[in-house]
Amino acid sequence: MDNSSSGIEVRYFAAAMDAAGIAIETVDLPHSATLSVLKALLVDRHGAAMARVLSVAAFIVDSELTRDLDRAVGPRIDVLPPFAGG
């Protein structure tokens, strides 16, 4: 298991951007980290508003949409809350 760490680009959209107060940030996590670990870090960093968003959000990892928190992180993660309208 690779425990070295690197900067992971996290991009926020819609309500996730509002909760973070930014559109993009870089977080330092081990290559072996999961989306669950990333989620905990983002809640710790951005608080209750982010926790609410992440409880219903999906993630794009390596061009795949997922809600599987056991999925390993990649070099870029997009945080996608549900979008209203159509």
PDB file of N, CA and C in Angstrom:
ATOM      1  N   MET A   1       0.849  -1.184   0.000  1.00  0.00           N
ATOM      2  CA  MET A   1       0.000   0.000   0.000  1.00  0.00           C
ATOM      3  C   MET A   1       0.889   1.239   0.000  1.00  0.00           C
ATOM      4  N   ASP A   2       0.583   2.184  -0.841  1.00  0.00           N
ATOM      5  CA  ASP A   2       1.382   3.393  -0.975  1.00  0.00           C
ATOM      6  C   ASP A   2       0.865   4.442   0.001  1.00  0.00           C
ATOM      7  N   ASN A   3       1.670   4.769   1.009  1.00  0.00           N
ATOM      8  CA  ASN A   3       1.264   5.763   1.990  1.00  0.00           C
ATOM      9  C   ASN A   3       1.908   7.118   1.761  1.00  0.00           C
ATOM     10  N   SER A   4       2.673   7.275   0.664  1.00  0.00           N
ATOM     11  CA  SER A   4       3.214   8.590   0.384  1.00  0.00           C
ATOM     12  C   SER A   4       2.048   9.516   0.056  1.00  0.00           C
ATOM     13  N   SER A   5       2.247  10.790   0.257  1.00  0.00           N
ATOM     14  CA  SER A   5       1.146  11.717   0.053  1.00  0.00           C
ATOM     15  C   SER A   5       1.445  12.656  -1.103  1.00  0.00           C
ATOM     16  N   SER A   6       0.379  13.263  -1.583  1.00  0.00           N
ATOM     17  CA  SER A   6       0.526  14.242  -2.653  1.00  0.00           C
ATOM     18  C   SER A   6      -0.647  15.195  -2.604  1.00  0.00           C
ATOM     19  N   GLY A   7      -0.512  16.282  -3.336  1.00  0.00           N
ATOM     20  CA  GLY A   7      -1.594  17.245  -3.419  1.00  0.00           C
ATOM     21  C   GLY A   7      -2.699  16.719  -4.310  1.00  0.00           C
ATOM     22  N   ILE A   8      -3.910  16.742  -3.803  1.00  0.00           N
ATOM     23  CA  ILE A   8      -5.085  16.321  -4.552  1.00  0.00           C
ATOM     24  C   ILE A   8      -5.920  17.569  -4.794  1.00  0.00           C
ATOM     25  N   GLU A   9      -6.231  17.816  -6.057  1.00  0.00           N
ATOM     26  CA  GLU A   9      -7.051  18.967  -6.400  1.00  0.00           C
ATOM     27  C   GLU A   9      -8.518  18.616  -6.169  1.00  0.00           C
ATOM     28  N   VAL A  10      -9.185  19.441  -5.371  1.00  0.00           N
ATOM     29  CA  VAL A  10     -10.610  19.255  -5.101  1.00  0.00           C
ATOM     30  C   VAL A  10     -11.338  20.444  -5.720  1.00  0.00           C
ATOM     31  N   ARG A  11     -12.256  20.131  -6.631  1.00  0.00           N
ATOM     32  CA  ARG A  11     -13.040  21.182  -7.285  1.00  0.00           C
ATOM     33  C   ARG A  11     -14.475  21.092  -6.779  1.00  0.00           C
ATOM     34  N   TYR A  12     -15.019  22.262  -6.416  1.00  0.00           N
ATOM     35  CA  TYR A  12     -16.362  22.335  -5.845  1.00  0.00           C
ATOM     36  C   TYR A  12     -17.322  22.970  -6.842  1.00  0.00           C
ATOM     37  N   PHE A  13     -18.559  22.493  -6.831  1.00  0.00           N
ATOM     38  CA  PHE A  13     -19.580  23.033  -7.698  1.00  0.00           C
ATOM     39  C   PHE A  13     -20.825  23.350  -6.884  1.00  0.00           C
ATOM     40  N   ALA A  14     -21.559  24.380  -7.307  1.00  0.00           N
ATOM     41  CA  ALA A  14     -22.853  24.767  -6.733  1.00  0.00           C
ATOM     42  C   ALA A  14     -22.775  24.900  -5.200  1.00  0.00           C
ATOM     43  N   ALA A  15     -23.627  24.188  -4.472  1.00  0.00           N
ATOM     44  CA  ALA A  15     -23.684  24.309  -3.009  1.00  0.00           C
ATOM     45  C   ALA A  15     -22.370  23.927  -2.344  1.00  0.00           C
ATOM     46  N   ALA A  16     -21.614  23.028  -2.952  1.00  0.00           N
ATOM     47  CA  ALA A  16     -20.310  22.662  -2.381  1.00  0.00           C
ATOM     48  C   ALA A  16     -19.356  23.851  -2.429  1.00  0.00           C
ATOM     49  N   MET A  17     -19.415  24.614  -3.521  1.00  0.00           N
ATOM     50  CA  MET A  17     -18.582  25.815  -3.628  1.00  0.00           C
ATOM     51  C   MET A  17     -19.003  26.839  -2.581  1.00  0.00           C
ATOM     52  N   ASP A  18     -20.304  26.982  -2.380  1.00  0.00           N
ATOM     53  CA  ASP A  18     -20.793  27.905  -1.352  1.00  0.00           C
ATOM     54  C   ASP A  18     -20.312  27.489   0.036  1.00  0.00           C
ATOM     55  N   ALA A  19     -20.362  26.197   0.332  1.00  0.00           N
ATOM     56  CA  ALA A  19     -19.957  25.697   1.649  1.00  0.00           C
ATOM     57  C   ALA A  19     -18.457  25.872   1.875  1.00  0.00           C
ATOM     58  N   ALA A  20     -17.664  25.667   0.829  1.00  0.00           N
ATOM     59  CA  ALA A  20     -16.213  25.791   0.955  1.00  0.00           C
ATOM     60  C   ALA A  20     -15.758  27.246   0.894  1.00  0.00           C
ATOM     61  N   GLY A  21     -16.527  28.076   0.213  1.00  0.00           N
ATOM     62  CA  GLY A  21     -16.136  29.473   0.033  1.00  0.00           C
ATOM     63  C   GLY A  21     -15.085  29.648  -1.054  1.00  0.00           C
ATOM     64  N   ILE A  22     -14.784  28.592  -1.771  1.00  0.00           N
ATOM     65  CA  ILE A  22     -13.801  28.610  -2.849  1.00  0.00           C
ATOM     66  C   ILE A  22     -14.234  27.606  -3.918  1.00  0.00           C
ATOM     67  N   ALA A  23     -13.662  27.733  -5.105  1.00  0.00           N
ATOM     68  CA  ALA A  23     -14.000  26.813  -6.196  1.00  0.00           C
ATOM     69  C   ALA A  23     -13.049  25.625  -6.265  1.00  0.00           C
ATOM     70  N   ILE A  24     -11.787  25.852  -5.900  1.00  0.00           N
ATOM     71  CA  ILE A  24     -10.756  24.806  -6.005  1.00  0.00           C
ATOM     72  C   ILE A  24      -9.803  24.945  -4.832  1.00  0.00           C
ATOM     73  N   GLU A  25      -9.384  23.809  -4.303  1.00  0.00           N
ATOM     74  CA  GLU A  25      -8.307  23.810  -3.317  1.00  0.00           C
ATOM     75  C   GLU A  25      -7.498  22.535  -3.476  1.00  0.00           C
ATOM     76  N   THR A  26      -6.311  22.541  -2.909  1.00  0.00           N
ATOM     77  CA  THR A  26      -5.452  21.364  -2.915  1.00  0.00           C
ATOM     78  C   THR A  26      -5.321  20.862  -1.488  1.00  0.00           C
ATOM     79  N   VAL A  27      -5.530  19.559  -1.317  1.00  0.00           N
ATOM     80  CA  VAL A  27      -5.380  18.931  -0.006  1.00  0.00           C
ATOM     81  C   VAL A  27      -4.287  17.876  -0.106  1.00  0.00           C
ATOM     82  N   ASP A  28      -3.591  17.659   0.977  1.00  0.00           N
ATOM     83  CA  ASP A  28      -2.502  16.683   1.010  1.00  0.00           C
ATOM     84  C   ASP A  28      -3.004  15.422   1.695  1.00  0.00           C
ATOM     85  N   LEU A  29      -3.095  14.337   0.931  1.00  0.00           N
ATOM     86  CA  LEU A  29      -3.556  13.056   1.457  1.00  0.00           C
ATOM     87  C   LEU A  29      -2.667  11.939   0.939  1.00  0.00           C
ATOM     88  N   PRO A  30      -2.572  10.841   1.682  1.00  0.00           N
ATOM     89  CA  PRO A  30      -1.836   9.678   1.174  1.00  0.00           C
ATOM     90  C   PRO A  30      -2.497   9.143  -0.097  1.00  0.00           C
ATOM     91  N   HIS A  31      -1.704   8.584  -0.986  1.00  0.00           N
ATOM     92  CA  HIS A  31      -2.236   7.986  -2.212  1.00  0.00           C
ATOM     93  C   HIS A  31      -3.247   6.888  -1.900  1.00  0.00           C
ATOM     94  N   SER A  32      -3.127   6.263  -0.743  1.00  0.00           N
ATOM     95  CA  SER A  32      -4.023   5.165  -0.363  1.00  0.00           C
ATOM     96  C   SER A  32      -5.328   5.655   0.268  1.00  0.00           C
ATOM     97  N   ALA A  33      -5.502   6.965   0.422  1.00  0.00           N
ATOM     98  CA  ALA A  33      -6.702   7.502   1.072  1.00  0.00           C
ATOM     99  C   ALA A  33      -7.954   7.219   0.247  1.00  0.00           C
ATOM    100  N   THR A  34      -9.073   7.125   0.945  1.00  0.00           N
ATOM    101  CA  THR A  34     -10.365   6.906   0.300  1.00  0.00           C
ATOM    102  C   THR A  34     -11.175   8.205   0.300  1.00  0.00           C
ATOM    103  N   LEU A  35     -12.280   8.182  -0.409  1.00  0.00           N
ATOM    104  CA  LEU A  35     -13.180   9.335  -0.391  1.00  0.00           C
ATOM    105  C   LEU A  35     -13.715   9.583   1.013  1.00  0.00           C
ATOM    106  N   SER A  36     -13.840   8.549   1.821  1.00  0.00           N
ATOM    107  CA  SER A  36     -14.276   8.718   3.202  1.00  0.00           C
ATOM    108  C   SER A  36     -13.287   9.584   3.989  1.00  0.00           C
ATOM    109  N   VAL A  37     -12.010   9.338   3.786  1.00  0.00           N
ATOM    110  CA  VAL A  37     -10.969  10.141   4.447  1.00  0.00           C
ATOM    111  C   VAL A  37     -11.026  11.580   3.947  1.00  0.00           C
ATOM    112  N   LEU A  38     -11.179  11.744   2.635  1.00  0.00           N
ATOM    113  CA  LEU A  38     -11.288  13.088   2.068  1.00  0.00           C
ATOM    114  C   LEU A  38     -12.510  13.804   2.636  1.00  0.00           C
ATOM    115  N   LYS A  39     -13.636  13.109   2.706  1.00  0.00           N
ATOM    116  CA  LYS A  39     -14.861  13.702   3.236  1.00  0.00           C
ATOM    117  C   LYS A  39     -14.649  14.210   4.661  1.00  0.00           C
ATOM    118  N   ALA A  40     -14.031  13.400   5.505  1.00  0.00           N
ATOM    119  CA  ALA A  40     -13.770  13.805   6.894  1.00  0.00           C
ATOM    120  C   ALA A  40     -12.871  15.037   6.940  1.00  0.00           C
ATOM    121  N   LEU A  41     -11.856  15.074   6.094  1.00  0.00           N
ATOM    122  CA  LEU A  41     -10.955  16.225   6.053  1.00  0.00           C
ATOM    123  C   LEU A  41     -11.710  17.479   5.627  1.00  0.00           C
ATOM    124  N   LEU A  42     -12.570  17.364   4.619  1.00  0.00           N
ATOM    125  CA  LEU A  42     -13.306  18.531   4.130  1.00  0.00           C
ATOM    126  C   LEU A  42     -14.314  19.034   5.152  1.00  0.00           C
ATOM    127  N   VAL A  43     -14.959  18.116   5.870  1.00  0.00           N
ATOM    128  CA  VAL A  43     -15.884  18.529   6.930  1.00  0.00           C
ATOM    129  C   VAL A  43     -15.116  19.224   8.043  1.00  0.00           C
ATOM    130  N   ASP A  44     -13.965  18.690   8.412  1.00  0.00           N
ATOM    131  CA  ASP A  44     -13.138  19.310   9.441  1.00  0.00           C
ATOM    132  C   ASP A  44     -12.698  20.713   9.018  1.00  0.00           C
ATOM    133  N   ARG A  45     -12.373  20.848   7.759  1.00  0.00           N
ATOM    134  CA  ARG A  45     -11.865  22.121   7.236  1.00  0.00           C
ATOM    135  C   ARG A  45     -12.972  23.151   7.039  1.00  0.00           C
ATOM    136  N   HIS A  46     -14.159  22.709   6.595  1.00  0.00           N
ATOM    137  CA  HIS A  46     -15.197  23.657   6.182  1.00  0.00           C
ATOM    138  C   HIS A  46     -16.470  23.617   7.014  1.00  0.00           C
ATOM    139  N   GLY A  47     -16.595  22.689   7.955  1.00  0.00           N
ATOM    140  CA  GLY A  47     -17.682  22.722   8.920  1.00  0.00           C
ATOM    141  C   GLY A  47     -19.010  22.117   8.512  1.00  0.00           C
ATOM    142  N   ALA A  48     -20.042  22.513   9.263  1.00  0.00           N
ATOM    143  CA  ALA A  48     -21.370  21.901   9.159  1.00  0.00           C
ATOM    144  C   ALA A  48     -22.001  22.074   7.786  1.00  0.00           C
ATOM    145  N   ALA A  49     -21.804  23.215   7.156  1.00  0.00           N
ATOM    146  CA  ALA A  49     -22.388  23.422   5.820  1.00  0.00           C
ATOM    147  C   ALA A  49     -21.822  22.407   4.836  1.00  0.00           C
ATOM    148  N   MET A  50     -20.529  22.140   4.916  1.00  0.00           N
ATOM    149  CA  MET A  50     -19.922  21.149   4.031  1.00  0.00           C
ATOM    150  C   MET A  50     -20.414  19.750   4.381  1.00  0.00           C
ATOM    151  N   ALA A  51     -20.592  19.460   5.660  1.00  0.00           N
ATOM    152  CA  ALA A  51     -21.110  18.149   6.067  1.00  0.00           C
ATOM    153  C   ALA A  51     -22.477  17.901   5.448  1.00  0.00           C
ATOM    154  N   ARG A  52     -23.334  18.918   5.445  1.00  0.00           N
ATOM    155  CA  ARG A  52     -24.671  18.774   4.839  1.00  0.00           C
ATOM    156  C   ARG A  52     -24.557  18.499   3.344  1.00  0.00           C
ATOM    157  N   VAL A  53     -23.704  19.239   2.660  1.00  0.00           N
ATOM    158  CA  VAL A  53     -23.529  19.051   1.214  1.00  0.00           C
ATOM    159  C   VAL A  53     -22.984  17.657   0.921  1.00  0.00           C
ATOM    160  N   LEU A  54     -21.957  17.249   1.649  1.00  0.00           N
ATOM    161  CA  LEU A  54     -21.319  15.962   1.373  1.00  0.00           C
ATOM    162  C   LEU A  54     -22.210  14.773   1.715  1.00  0.00           C
ATOM    163  N   SER A  55     -23.214  14.980   2.563  1.00  0.00           N
ATOM    164  CA  SER A  55     -24.110  13.874   2.900  1.00  0.00           C
ATOM    165  C   SER A  55     -24.969  13.461   1.706  1.00  0.00           C
ATOM    166  N   VAL A  56     -25.084  14.323   0.699  1.00  0.00           N
ATOM    167  CA  VAL A  56     -25.889  14.022  -0.493  1.00  0.00           C
ATOM    168  C   VAL A  56     -25.101  14.149  -1.795  1.00  0.00           C
ATOM    169  N   ALA A  57     -23.837  14.492  -1.696  1.00  0.00           N
ATOM    170  CA  ALA A  57     -23.024  14.754  -2.893  1.00  0.00           C
ATOM    171  C   ALA A  57     -22.531  13.468  -3.548  1.00  0.00           C
ATOM    172  N   ALA A  58     -22.208  13.598  -4.810  1.00  0.00           N
ATOM    173  CA  ALA A  58     -21.489  12.568  -5.553  1.00  0.00           C
ATOM    174  C   ALA A  58     -20.104  13.130  -5.868  1.00  0.00           C
ATOM    175  N   PHE A  59     -19.215  12.255  -6.269  1.00  0.00           N
ATOM    176  CA  PHE A  59     -17.846  12.652  -6.575  1.00  0.00           C
ATOM    177  C   PHE A  59     -17.481  12.151  -7.965  1.00  0.00           C
ATOM    178  N   ILE A  60     -16.664  12.906  -8.655  1.00  0.00           N
ATOM    179  CA  ILE A  60     -16.077  12.412  -9.896  1.00  0.00           C
ATOM    180  C   ILE A  60     -14.606  12.137  -9.609  1.00  0.00           C
ATOM    181  N   VAL A  61     -14.225  10.874  -9.816  1.00  0.00           N
ATOM    182  CA  VAL A  61     -12.850  10.414  -9.615  1.00  0.00           C
ATOM    183  C   VAL A  61     -12.427   9.714 -10.907  1.00  0.00           C
ATOM    184  N   ASP A  62     -11.341  10.152 -11.500  1.00  0.00           N
ATOM    185  CA  ASP A  62     -10.869   9.538 -12.747  1.00  0.00           C
ATOM    186  C   ASP A  62     -11.985   9.441 -13.784  1.00  0.00           C
ATOM    187  N   SER A  63     -12.733  10.506 -13.954  1.00  0.00           N
ATOM    188  CA  SER A  63     -13.817  10.626 -14.946  1.00  0.00           C
ATOM    189  C   SER A  63     -15.015   9.731 -14.663  1.00  0.00           C
ATOM    190  N   GLU A  64     -15.099   9.154 -13.461  1.00  0.00           N
ATOM    191  CA  GLU A  64     -16.245   8.299 -13.101  1.00  0.00           C
ATOM    192  C   GLU A  64     -17.010   8.905 -11.937  1.00  0.00           C
ATOM    193  N   LEU A  65     -18.328   8.974 -12.100  1.00  0.00           N
ATOM    194  CA  LEU A  65     -19.204   9.451 -11.046  1.00  0.00           C
ATOM    195  C   LEU A  65     -19.385   8.347 -10.012  1.00  0.00           C
ATOM    196  N   THR A  66     -19.213   8.686  -8.725  1.00  0.00           N
ATOM    197  CA  THR A  66     -19.340   7.675  -7.675  1.00  0.00           C
ATOM    198  C   THR A  66     -19.859   8.295  -6.390  1.00  0.00           C
ATOM    199  N   ARG A  67     -20.495   7.462  -5.593  1.00  0.00           N
ATOM    200  CA  ARG A  67     -20.865   7.802  -4.212  1.00  0.00           C
ATOM    201  C   ARG A  67     -20.218   6.809  -3.254  1.00  0.00           C
ATOM    202  N   ASP A  68     -19.361   5.956  -3.776  1.00  0.00           N
ATOM    203  CA  ASP A  68     -18.693   4.913  -2.995  1.00  0.00           C
ATOM    204  C   ASP A  68     -17.553   5.530  -2.194  1.00  0.00           C
ATOM    205  N   LEU A  69     -17.775   5.680  -0.888  1.00  0.00           N
ATOM    206  CA  LEU A  69     -16.769   6.332  -0.036  1.00  0.00           C
ATOM    207  C   LEU A  69     -15.551   5.454   0.213  1.00  0.00           C
ATOM    208  N   ASP A  70     -15.602   4.187  -0.193  1.00  0.00           N
ATOM    209  CA  ASP A  70     -14.433   3.308  -0.092  1.00  0.00           C
ATOM    210  C   ASP A  70     -13.529   3.428  -1.313  1.00  0.00           C
ATOM    211  N   ARG A  71     -13.935   4.204  -2.288  1.00  0.00           N
ATOM    212  CA  ARG A  71     -13.155   4.415  -3.512  1.00  0.00           C
ATOM    213  C   ARG A  71     -11.906   5.230  -3.190  1.00  0.00           C
ATOM    214  N   ALA A  72     -10.787   4.835  -3.774  1.00  0.00           N
ATOM    215  CA  ALA A  72      -9.536   5.578  -3.582  1.00  0.00           C
ATOM    216  C   ALA A  72      -9.628   6.932  -4.266  1.00  0.00           C
ATOM    217  N   VAL A  73      -8.977   7.904  -3.665  1.00  0.00           N
ATOM    218  CA  VAL A  73      -8.919   9.227  -4.278  1.00  0.00           C
ATOM    219  C   VAL A  73      -8.021   9.170  -5.517  1.00  0.00           C
ATOM    220  N   GLY A  74      -8.150  10.156  -6.348  1.00  0.00           N
ATOM    221  CA  GLY A  74      -7.284  10.310  -7.510  1.00  0.00           C
ATOM    222  C   GLY A  74      -6.622  11.668  -7.429  1.00  0.00           C
ATOM    223  N   PRO A  75      -5.933  12.073  -8.471  1.00  0.00           N
ATOM    224  CA  PRO A  75      -5.245  13.365  -8.442  1.00  0.00           C
ATOM    225  C   PRO A  75      -6.204  14.554  -8.461  1.00  0.00           C
ATOM    226  N   ARG A  76      -7.454  14.325  -8.931  1.00  0.00           N
ATOM    227  CA  ARG A  76      -8.461  15.378  -8.935  1.00  0.00           C
ATOM    228  C   ARG A  76      -9.803  14.763  -8.546  1.00  0.00           C
ATOM    229  N   ILE A  77     -10.511  15.472  -7.666  1.00  0.00           N
ATOM    230  CA  ILE A  77     -11.838  15.058  -7.221  1.00  0.00           C
ATOM    231  C   ILE A  77     -12.784  16.225  -7.465  1.00  0.00           C
ATOM    232  N   ASP A  78     -13.905  15.954  -8.114  1.00  0.00           N
ATOM    233  CA  ASP A  78     -14.959  16.953  -8.256  1.00  0.00           C
ATOM    234  C   ASP A  78     -16.061  16.608  -7.267  1.00  0.00           C
ATOM    235  N   VAL A  79     -16.533  17.606  -6.530  1.00  0.00           N
ATOM    236  CA  VAL A  79     -17.610  17.419  -5.556  1.00  0.00           C
ATOM    237  C   VAL A  79     -18.891  17.995  -6.175  1.00  0.00           C
ATOM    238  N   LEU A  80     -19.858  17.106  -6.408  1.00  0.00           N
ATOM    239  CA  LEU A  80     -21.088  17.484  -7.098  1.00  0.00           C
ATOM    240  C   LEU A  80     -22.303  17.268  -6.210  1.00  0.00           C
ATOM    241  N   PRO A  81     -22.858  18.347  -5.658  1.00  0.00           N
ATOM    242  CA  PRO A  81     -24.112  18.202  -4.918  1.00  0.00           C
ATOM    243  C   PRO A  81     -25.234  17.987  -5.936  1.00  0.00           C
ATOM    244  N   PRO A  82     -26.398  17.530  -5.479  1.00  0.00           N
ATOM    245  CA  PRO A  82     -27.531  17.421  -6.401  1.00  0.00           C
ATOM    246  C   PRO A  82     -27.860  18.795  -6.965  1.00  0.00           C
ATOM    247  N   PHE A  83     -28.184  18.833  -8.237  1.00  0.00           N
ATOM    248  CA  PHE A  83     -28.530  20.110  -8.879  1.00  0.00           C
ATOM    249  C   PHE A  83     -30.039  20.193  -9.003  1.00  0.00           C
ATOM    250  N   ALA A  84     -30.581  21.369  -8.721  1.00  0.00           N
ATOM    251  CA  ALA A  84     -32.022  21.601  -8.858  1.00  0.00           C
ATOM    252  C   ALA A  84     -32.332  21.982 -10.296  1.00  0.00           C
ATOM    253  N   GLY A  85     -33.556  21.801 -10.676  1.00  0.00           N
ATOM    254  CA  GLY A  85     -33.990  22.229 -12.005  1.00  0.00           C
ATOM    255  C   GLY A  85     -33.789  21.134 -13.029  1.00  0.00           C
ATOM    256  N   GLY A  86     -33.860  21.484 -14.286  1.00  0.00           N
ATOM    257  CA  GLY A  86     -33.712  20.479 -15.302  1.00  0.00           C
ATOM    258  C   GLY A  86     -33.654  21.006 -16.642  1.00  0.00           C
TER     259      GLY A  86
END
